[in-house]
Amino acid sequence: MKKVTAPYKYPRVIDFVSELPKTISGKIRRVDIRNKDNSKA
């Protein structure tokens, strides 16, 4: 993947989680993911 894409386009870190936060309708709650990421820093 790194050979074909520009360096700014691929992720530097990948975090694996057991479960993604979802809304009642089943969509992924991206805000919660961003907040969790910011709280680690």
PDB file of N, CA and C in Angstrom:
ATOM      1  N   MET A   1       0.821  -1.186   0.000  1.00  0.00           N
ATOM      2  CA  MET A   1       0.000   0.000   0.000  1.00  0.00           C
ATOM      3  C   MET A   1       0.871   1.258   0.000  1.00  0.00           C
ATOM      4  N   LYS A   2       1.945   1.253   0.760  1.00  0.00           N
ATOM      5  CA  LYS A   2       2.793   2.435   0.843  1.00  0.00           C
ATOM      6  C   LYS A   2       3.468   2.759  -0.478  1.00  0.00           C
ATOM      7  N   LYS A   3       3.692   1.758  -1.295  1.00  0.00           N
ATOM      8  CA  LYS A   3       4.376   2.001  -2.563  1.00  0.00           C
ATOM      9  C   LYS A   3       3.501   2.748  -3.559  1.00  0.00           C
ATOM     10  N   VAL A   4       2.190   2.584  -3.456  1.00  0.00           N
ATOM     11  CA  VAL A   4       1.297   3.173  -4.449  1.00  0.00           C
ATOM     12  C   VAL A   4       0.684   4.490  -4.003  1.00  0.00           C
ATOM     13  N   THR A   5       0.631   4.755  -2.706  1.00  0.00           N
ATOM     14  CA  THR A   5      -0.008   5.975  -2.224  1.00  0.00           C
ATOM     15  C   THR A   5       1.017   6.952  -1.673  1.00  0.00           C
ATOM     16  N   ALA A   6       0.608   8.208  -1.618  1.00  0.00           N
ATOM     17  CA  ALA A   6       1.464   9.249  -1.056  1.00  0.00           C
ATOM     18  C   ALA A   6       1.550   9.067   0.461  1.00  0.00           C
ATOM     19  N   PRO A   7       2.660   9.475   1.073  1.00  0.00           N
ATOM     20  CA  PRO A   7       2.841   9.259   2.519  1.00  0.00           C
ATOM     21  C   PRO A   7       1.756   9.887   3.395  1.00  0.00           C
ATOM     22  N   TYR A   8       1.176  10.996   2.971  1.00  0.00           N
ATOM     23  CA  TYR A   8       0.166  11.643   3.804  1.00  0.00           C
ATOM     24  C   TYR A   8      -1.189  10.946   3.715  1.00  0.00           C
ATOM     25  N   LYS A   9      -1.352  10.000   2.830  1.00  0.00           N
ATOM     26  CA  LYS A   9      -2.647   9.350   2.636  1.00  0.00           C
ATOM     27  C   LYS A   9      -2.830   8.074   3.453  1.00  0.00           C
ATOM     28  N   TYR A  10      -1.771   7.468   3.958  1.00  0.00           N
ATOM     29  CA  TYR A  10      -1.955   6.242   4.726  1.00  0.00           C
ATOM     30  C   TYR A  10      -1.814   6.525   6.219  1.00  0.00           C
ATOM     31  N   PRO A  11      -2.513   5.749   7.047  1.00  0.00           N
ATOM     32  CA  PRO A  11      -2.494   6.002   8.488  1.00  0.00           C
ATOM     33  C   PRO A  11      -1.143   5.680   9.111  1.00  0.00           C
ATOM     34  N   ARG A  12      -0.765   6.453  10.097  1.00  0.00           N
ATOM     35  CA  ARG A  12       0.496   6.221  10.806  1.00  0.00           C
ATOM     36  C   ARG A  12       0.311   5.226  11.939  1.00  0.00           C
ATOM     37  N   VAL A  13      -0.875   5.263  12.545  1.00  0.00           N
ATOM     38  CA  VAL A  13      -1.170   4.377  13.671  1.00  0.00           C
ATOM     39  C   VAL A  13      -2.545   3.758  13.449  1.00  0.00           C
ATOM     40  N   ILE A  14      -2.674   2.483  13.741  1.00  0.00           N
ATOM     41  CA  ILE A  14      -3.963   1.805  13.655  1.00  0.00           C
ATOM     42  C   ILE A  14      -4.276   1.226  15.023  1.00  0.00           C
ATOM     43  N   ASP A  15      -5.408   1.626  15.586  1.00  0.00           N
ATOM     44  CA  ASP A  15      -5.855   1.098  16.876  1.00  0.00           C
ATOM     45  C   ASP A  15      -6.978   0.103  16.635  1.00  0.00           C
ATOM     46  N   PHE A  16      -6.833  -1.087  17.188  1.00  0.00           N
ATOM     47  CA  PHE A  16      -7.871  -2.100  17.065  1.00  0.00           C
ATOM     48  C   PHE A  16      -8.734  -2.067  18.317  1.00  0.00           C
ATOM     49  N   VAL A  17     -10.037  -2.016  18.126  1.00  0.00           N
ATOM     50  CA  VAL A  17     -10.980  -2.024  19.243  1.00  0.00           C
ATOM     51  C   VAL A  17     -11.934  -3.193  19.064  1.00  0.00           C
ATOM     52  N   SER A  18     -12.485  -3.657  20.160  1.00  0.00           N
ATOM     53  CA  SER A  18     -13.388  -4.806  20.079  1.00  0.00           C
ATOM     54  C   SER A  18     -14.762  -4.415  19.553  1.00  0.00           C
ATOM     55  N   GLU A  19     -15.141  -3.144  19.751  1.00  0.00           N
ATOM     56  CA  GLU A  19     -16.482  -2.723  19.368  1.00  0.00           C
ATOM     57  C   GLU A  19     -16.486  -1.229  19.084  1.00  0.00           C
ATOM     58  N   LEU A  20     -17.236  -0.811  18.071  1.00  0.00           N
ATOM     59  CA  LEU A  20     -17.360   0.603  17.744  1.00  0.00           C
ATOM     60  C   LEU A  20     -18.632   1.163  18.373  1.00  0.00           C
ATOM     61  N   PRO A  21     -18.582   2.413  18.882  1.00  0.00           N
ATOM     62  CA  PRO A  21     -19.798   3.011  19.437  1.00  0.00           C
ATOM     63  C   PRO A  21     -20.793   3.297  18.318  1.00  0.00           C
ATOM     64  N   LYS A  22     -22.046   2.907  18.542  1.00  0.00           N
ATOM     65  CA  LYS A  22     -23.070   3.083  17.513  1.00  0.00           C
ATOM     66  C   LYS A  22     -24.274   3.819  18.068  1.00  0.00           C
ATOM     67  N   THR A  23     -25.014   4.473  17.161  1.00  0.00           N
ATOM     68  CA  THR A  23     -26.253   5.140  17.530  1.00  0.00           C
ATOM     69  C   THR A  23     -27.368   4.108  17.613  1.00  0.00           C
ATOM     70  N   ILE A  24     -28.545   4.551  17.991  1.00  0.00           N
ATOM     71  CA  ILE A  24     -29.692   3.652  18.077  1.00  0.00           C
ATOM     72  C   ILE A  24     -30.016   3.059  16.712  1.00  0.00           C
ATOM     73  N   SER A  25     -29.816   3.855  15.653  1.00  0.00           N
ATOM     74  CA  SER A  25     -30.129   3.370  14.305  1.00  0.00           C
ATOM     75  C   SER A  25     -29.023   2.490  13.726  1.00  0.00           C
ATOM     76  N   GLY A  26     -27.902   2.332  14.443  1.00  0.00           N
ATOM     77  CA  GLY A  26     -26.848   1.426  14.001  1.00  0.00           C
ATOM     78  C   GLY A  26     -25.681   2.088  13.292  1.00  0.00           C
ATOM     79  N   LYS A  27     -25.711   3.419  13.174  1.00  0.00           N
ATOM     80  CA  LYS A  27     -24.597   4.116  12.523  1.00  0.00           C
ATOM     81  C   LYS A  27     -23.446   4.288  13.516  1.00  0.00           C
ATOM     82  N   ILE A  28     -22.240   4.365  13.004  1.00  0.00           N
ATOM     83  CA  ILE A  28     -21.060   4.534  13.856  1.00  0.00           C
ATOM     84  C   ILE A  28     -20.998   5.970  14.361  1.00  0.00           C
ATOM     85  N   ARG A  29     -20.788   6.135  15.675  1.00  0.00           N
ATOM     86  CA  ARG A  29     -20.700   7.468  16.284  1.00  0.00           C
ATOM     87  C   ARG A  29     -19.271   7.972  16.175  1.00  0.00           C
ATOM     88  N   ARG A  30     -18.995   8.690  15.099  1.00  0.00           N
ATOM     89  CA  ARG A  30     -17.644   9.178  14.830  1.00  0.00           C
ATOM     90  C   ARG A  30     -17.180  10.203  15.861  1.00  0.00           C
ATOM     91  N   VAL A  31     -18.109  10.963  16.418  1.00  0.00           N
ATOM     92  CA  VAL A  31     -17.760  11.960  17.433  1.00  0.00           C
ATOM     93  C   VAL A  31     -17.157  11.276  18.655  1.00  0.00           C
ATOM     94  N   ASP A  32     -17.754  10.173  19.074  1.00  0.00           N
ATOM     95  CA  ASP A  32     -17.228   9.440  20.229  1.00  0.00           C
ATOM     96  C   ASP A  32     -15.836   8.888  19.951  1.00  0.00           C
ATOM     97  N   ILE A  33     -15.603   8.448  18.724  1.00  0.00           N
ATOM     98  CA  ILE A  33     -14.284   7.925  18.359  1.00  0.00           C
ATOM     99  C   ILE A  33     -13.251   9.045  18.414  1.00  0.00           C
ATOM    100  N   ARG A  34     -13.604  10.219  17.886  1.00  0.00           N
ATOM    101  CA  ARG A  34     -12.675  11.357  17.926  1.00  0.00           C
ATOM    102  C   ARG A  34     -12.391  11.779  19.360  1.00  0.00           C
ATOM    103  N   ASN A  35     -13.433  11.827  20.201  1.00  0.00           N
ATOM    104  CA  ASN A  35     -13.249  12.232  21.596  1.00  0.00           C
ATOM    105  C   ASN A  35     -12.362  11.243  22.341  1.00  0.00           C
ATOM    106  N   LYS A  36     -12.524   9.964  22.088  1.00  0.00           N
ATOM    107  CA  LYS A  36     -11.694   8.952  22.744  1.00  0.00           C
ATOM    108  C   LYS A  36     -10.240   9.107  22.310  1.00  0.00           C
ATOM    109  N   ASP A  37     -10.039   9.412  21.029  1.00  0.00           N
ATOM    110  CA  ASP A  37      -8.690   9.591  20.502  1.00  0.00           C
ATOM    111  C   ASP A  37      -8.031  10.819  21.122  1.00  0.00           C
ATOM    112  N   ASN A  38      -8.773  11.904  21.287  1.00  0.00           N
ATOM    113  CA  ASN A  38      -8.217  13.124  21.874  1.00  0.00           C
ATOM    114  C   ASN A  38      -7.932  12.957  23.360  1.00  0.00           C
ATOM    115  N   SER A  39      -8.700  12.140  24.042  1.00  0.00           N
ATOM    116  CA  SER A  39      -8.473  11.961  25.472  1.00  0.00           C
ATOM    117  C   SER A  39      -7.212  11.145  25.752  1.00  0.00           C
ATOM    118  N   LYS A  40      -6.754  10.343  24.770  1.00  0.00           N
ATOM    119  CA  LYS A  40      -5.521   9.570  24.954  1.00  0.00           C
ATOM    120  C   LYS A  40      -4.291  10.459  24.900  1.00  0.00           C
ATOM    121  N   ALA A  41      -4.358  11.551  24.170  1.00  0.00           N
ATOM    122  CA  ALA A  41      -3.185  12.413  23.972  1.00  0.00           C
ATOM    123  C   ALA A  41      -2.874  13.252  25.177  1.00  0.00           C
TER     124      ALA A  41
END
